[in-house]
Amino acid sequence: MRYQWVSDWYRQAMNNFWIPEEINLTQDTKDYPKLDKAERTAYDKILSFLVFLDSLQSTNLPSLTEYVTANEVNLCLHIQAFQECVHSQSYSYARHHLFARRAQRYSISMEKLMSIFLKKKHLYWRPL
């Protein structure tokens, strides 16, 4: 193995994420309606942005493997891409359970966020 750090990183990475079903949203569901309008807006937009950001990362990280010749580093890139997919799904799960109305869940437009990034032609985005 050329890059010895991969072994430790691999062990840490495999314990470094959570899945949607593991999230207990009981207290969050009670607390969310108590937020004032500015706090809810900030929370909603940040959570939506995280979903979008993770979808960018999960789509683009595997593209780097074309340029990386060390198998152990490619393993890291694929693990990270997988984790970004899980994170994105987990954030979506949280949004779904916290936002009271379906219309409210989708009022934060991914297209608005996409427009910031799509100006750079090297980025590719697809919804998960």
C-alpha atoms as a PDB file:
ATOM      1  CA  MET A   1       0.000   0.000   0.000  1.00  0.00           C
ATOM      2  CA  ARG A   2       1.540   3.256  -1.119  1.00  0.00           C
ATOM      3  CA  TYR A   3      -0.537   5.521   1.140  1.00  0.00           C
ATOM      4  CA  GLN A   4      -0.510   4.145   4.679  1.00  0.00           C
ATOM      5  CA  TRP A   5      -2.955   6.760   5.989  1.00  0.00           C
ATOM      6  CA  VAL A   6      -5.765   5.074   4.043  1.00  0.00           C
ATOM      7  CA  SER A   7      -6.040   2.193   6.492  1.00  0.00           C
ATOM      8  CA  ASP A   8      -6.837   4.463   9.448  1.00  0.00           C
ATOM      9  CA  TRP A   9      -9.023   6.727   7.317  1.00  0.00           C
ATOM     10  CA  TYR A  10     -10.995   3.715   6.094  1.00  0.00           C
ATOM     11  CA  ARG A  11     -11.786   2.559   9.634  1.00  0.00           C
ATOM     12  CA  GLN A  12     -12.805   6.064  10.665  1.00  0.00           C
ATOM     13  CA  ALA A  13     -14.885   6.636   7.535  1.00  0.00           C
ATOM     14  CA  MET A  14     -16.863   3.458   7.993  1.00  0.00           C
ATOM     15  CA  ASN A  15     -18.035   4.733  11.397  1.00  0.00           C
ATOM     16  CA  ASN A  16     -18.518   8.325  10.292  1.00  0.00           C
ATOM     17  CA  PHE A  17     -22.078   8.447   9.022  1.00  0.00           C
ATOM     18  CA  TRP A  18     -25.638   7.793  10.040  1.00  0.00           C
ATOM     19  CA  ILE A  19     -28.669   6.552   8.170  1.00  0.00           C
ATOM     20  CA  PRO A  20     -32.144   8.123   8.177  1.00  0.00           C
ATOM     21  CA  GLU A  21     -33.803   5.406  10.247  1.00  0.00           C
ATOM     22  CA  GLU A  22     -31.326   6.052  13.068  1.00  0.00           C
ATOM     23  CA  ILE A  23     -32.441   9.660  13.478  1.00  0.00           C
ATOM     24  CA  ASN A  24     -34.784  10.232  16.396  1.00  0.00           C
ATOM     25  CA  LEU A  25     -36.723  13.360  15.433  1.00  0.00           C
ATOM     26  CA  THR A  26     -39.154  13.358  18.355  1.00  0.00           C
ATOM     27  CA  GLN A  27     -37.642  16.395  20.087  1.00  0.00           C
ATOM     28  CA  ASP A  28     -36.879  18.142  16.783  1.00  0.00           C
ATOM     29  CA  THR A  29     -40.513  17.763  15.726  1.00  0.00           C
ATOM     30  CA  LYS A  30     -41.569  19.483  18.963  1.00  0.00           C
ATOM     31  CA  ASP A  31     -38.908  22.214  18.787  1.00  0.00           C
ATOM     32  CA  TYR A  32     -39.163  23.137  15.095  1.00  0.00           C
ATOM     33  CA  PRO A  33     -42.590  24.876  15.349  1.00  0.00           C
ATOM     34  CA  LYS A  34     -41.274  26.917  18.286  1.00  0.00           C
ATOM     35  CA  LEU A  35     -38.568  28.560  16.158  1.00  0.00           C
ATOM     36  CA  ASP A  36     -39.288  32.116  15.102  1.00  0.00           C
ATOM     37  CA  LYS A  37     -39.652  32.856  11.406  1.00  0.00           C
ATOM     38  CA  ALA A  38     -36.009  33.911  10.895  1.00  0.00           C
ATOM     39  CA  GLU A  39     -34.711  30.819  12.670  1.00  0.00           C
ATOM     40  CA  ARG A  40     -36.971  28.504  10.630  1.00  0.00           C
ATOM     41  CA  THR A  41     -35.927  30.197   7.406  1.00  0.00           C
ATOM     42  CA  ALA A  42     -32.240  29.808   8.286  1.00  0.00           C
ATOM     43  CA  TYR A  43     -32.720  26.187   9.341  1.00  0.00           C
ATOM     44  CA  ASP A  44     -34.746  25.305   6.222  1.00  0.00           C
ATOM     45  CA  LYS A  45     -32.292  26.907   3.834  1.00  0.00           C
ATOM     46  CA  ILE A  46     -29.232  25.396   5.480  1.00  0.00           C
ATOM     47  CA  LEU A  47     -30.748  21.917   5.487  1.00  0.00           C
ATOM     48  CA  SER A  48     -31.799  22.300   1.854  1.00  0.00           C
ATOM     49  CA  PHE A  49     -28.350  23.517   0.915  1.00  0.00           C
ATOM     50  CA  LEU A  50     -26.761  20.494   2.609  1.00  0.00           C
ATOM     51  CA  VAL A  51     -28.944  18.164   0.531  1.00  0.00           C
ATOM     52  CA  PHE A  52     -27.869  19.999  -2.604  1.00  0.00           C
ATOM     53  CA  LEU A  53     -24.192  20.112  -1.633  1.00  0.00           C
ATOM     54  CA  ASP A  54     -24.078  16.393  -0.861  1.00  0.00           C
ATOM     55  CA  SER A  55     -25.723  15.608  -4.203  1.00  0.00           C
ATOM     56  CA  LEU A  56     -22.965  17.581  -5.949  1.00  0.00           C
ATOM     57  CA  GLN A  57     -20.287  15.745  -4.007  1.00  0.00           C
ATOM     58  CA  SER A  58     -21.758  12.292  -4.574  1.00  0.00           C
ATOM     59  CA  THR A  59     -21.991  12.964  -8.303  1.00  0.00           C
ATOM     60  CA  ASN A  60     -18.551  14.488  -8.773  1.00  0.00           C
ATOM     61  CA  LEU A  61     -16.287  12.548  -6.401  1.00  0.00           C
ATOM     62  CA  PRO A  62     -16.324   9.381  -8.551  1.00  0.00           C
ATOM     63  CA  SER A  63     -15.161  11.486 -11.517  1.00  0.00           C
ATOM     64  CA  LEU A  64     -11.864  12.046  -9.738  1.00  0.00           C
ATOM     65  CA  THR A  65     -11.068   8.334  -9.788  1.00  0.00           C
ATOM     66  CA  GLU A  66     -10.230   8.655 -13.474  1.00  0.00           C
ATOM     67  CA  TYR A  67      -7.158  10.659 -12.465  1.00  0.00           C
ATOM     68  CA  VAL A  68      -6.113   8.722  -9.370  1.00  0.00           C
ATOM     69  CA  THR A  69      -3.963   5.654  -9.870  1.00  0.00           C
ATOM     70  CA  ALA A  70      -3.668   4.473  -6.268  1.00  0.00           C
ATOM     71  CA  ASN A  71      -6.385   1.899  -5.606  1.00  0.00           C
ATOM     72  CA  GLU A  72      -6.518   2.704  -1.914  1.00  0.00           C
ATOM     73  CA  VAL A  73      -7.181   6.397  -2.640  1.00  0.00           C
ATOM     74  CA  ASN A  74      -9.901   5.442  -5.122  1.00  0.00           C
ATOM     75  CA  LEU A  75     -11.460   3.390  -2.344  1.00  0.00           C
ATOM     76  CA  CYS A  76     -11.545   6.540  -0.193  1.00  0.00           C
ATOM     77  CA  LEU A  77     -13.230   8.540  -2.956  1.00  0.00           C
ATOM     78  CA  HIS A  78     -15.920   5.898  -3.423  1.00  0.00           C
ATOM     79  CA  ILE A  79     -16.560   5.595   0.300  1.00  0.00           C
ATOM     80  CA  GLN A  80     -16.887   9.369   0.550  1.00  0.00           C
ATOM     81  CA  ALA A  81     -19.291   9.459  -2.415  1.00  0.00           C
ATOM     82  CA  PHE A  82     -21.406   6.743  -0.783  1.00  0.00           C
ATOM     83  CA  GLN A  83     -21.480   8.658   2.488  1.00  0.00           C
ATOM     84  CA  GLU A  84     -22.561  11.842   0.720  1.00  0.00           C
ATOM     85  CA  CYS A  85     -25.505   9.928  -0.766  1.00  0.00           C
ATOM     86  CA  VAL A  86     -26.477   8.669   2.691  1.00  0.00           C
ATOM     87  CA  HIS A  87     -26.115  12.173   4.161  1.00  0.00           C
ATOM     88  CA  SER A  88     -28.294  13.652   1.442  1.00  0.00           C
ATOM     89  CA  GLN A  89     -30.979  11.062   2.048  1.00  0.00           C
ATOM     90  CA  SER A  90     -30.762  11.644   5.802  1.00  0.00           C
ATOM     91  CA  TYR A  91     -31.165  15.409   5.414  1.00  0.00           C
ATOM     92  CA  SER A  92     -34.123  14.843   3.095  1.00  0.00           C
ATOM     93  CA  TYR A  93     -35.632  12.509   5.680  1.00  0.00           C
ATOM     94  CA  ALA A  94     -35.262  15.199   8.342  1.00  0.00           C
ATOM     95  CA  ARG A  95     -36.799  17.844   6.068  1.00  0.00           C
ATOM     96  CA  HIS A  96     -39.719  15.553   5.282  1.00  0.00           C
ATOM     97  CA  HIS A  97     -40.493  14.925   8.945  1.00  0.00           C
ATOM     98  CA  LEU A  98     -39.910  18.432  10.257  1.00  0.00           C
ATOM     99  CA  PHE A  99     -41.696  20.548   7.696  1.00  0.00           C
ATOM    100  CA  ALA A 100     -45.398  20.542   8.407  1.00  0.00           C
ATOM    101  CA  ARG A 101     -46.801  20.968   4.904  1.00  0.00           C
ATOM    102  CA  ARG A 102     -45.639  19.310   1.700  1.00  0.00           C
ATOM    103  CA  ALA A 103     -45.690  22.681  -0.086  1.00  0.00           C
ATOM    104  CA  GLN A 104     -43.393  24.108   2.569  1.00  0.00           C
ATOM    105  CA  ARG A 105     -40.877  21.285   2.072  1.00  0.00           C
ATOM    106  CA  TYR A 106     -40.404  22.214  -1.553  1.00  0.00           C
ATOM    107  CA  SER A 107     -40.687  25.986  -1.240  1.00  0.00           C
ATOM    108  CA  ILE A 108     -36.894  26.188  -1.021  1.00  0.00           C
ATOM    109  CA  SER A 109     -35.947  25.845  -4.641  1.00  0.00           C
ATOM    110  CA  MET A 110     -33.017  23.641  -5.536  1.00  0.00           C
ATOM    111  CA  GLU A 111     -32.955  25.438  -8.882  1.00  0.00           C
ATOM    112  CA  LYS A 112     -31.987  28.656  -7.106  1.00  0.00           C
ATOM    113  CA  LEU A 113     -29.096  26.885  -5.431  1.00  0.00           C
ATOM    114  CA  MET A 114     -28.128  25.106  -8.632  1.00  0.00           C
ATOM    115  CA  SER A 115     -27.870  28.348 -10.559  1.00  0.00           C
ATOM    116  CA  ILE A 116     -24.994  29.411  -8.317  1.00  0.00           C
ATOM    117  CA  PHE A 117     -22.963  26.340  -9.178  1.00  0.00           C
ATOM    118  CA  LEU A 118     -23.953  25.572 -12.738  1.00  0.00           C
ATOM    119  CA  LYS A 119     -22.216  28.702 -13.958  1.00  0.00           C
ATOM    120  CA  LYS A 120     -19.047  26.662 -13.588  1.00  0.00           C
ATOM    121  CA  LYS A 121     -19.203  24.251 -16.488  1.00  0.00           C
ATOM    122  CA  HIS A 122     -17.109  21.585 -14.816  1.00  0.00           C
ATOM    123  CA  LEU A 123     -19.864  20.816 -12.285  1.00  0.00           C
ATOM    124  CA  TYR A 124     -22.627  18.353 -12.951  1.00  0.00           C
ATOM    125  CA  TRP A 125     -25.773  18.092 -10.856  1.00  0.00           C
ATOM    126  CA  ARG A 126     -28.552  15.567 -10.745  1.00  0.00           C
ATOM    127  CA  PRO A 127     -31.115  15.175  -8.006  1.00  0.00           C
ATOM    128  CA  LEU A 128     -30.749  12.023  -5.887  1.00  0.00           C
END
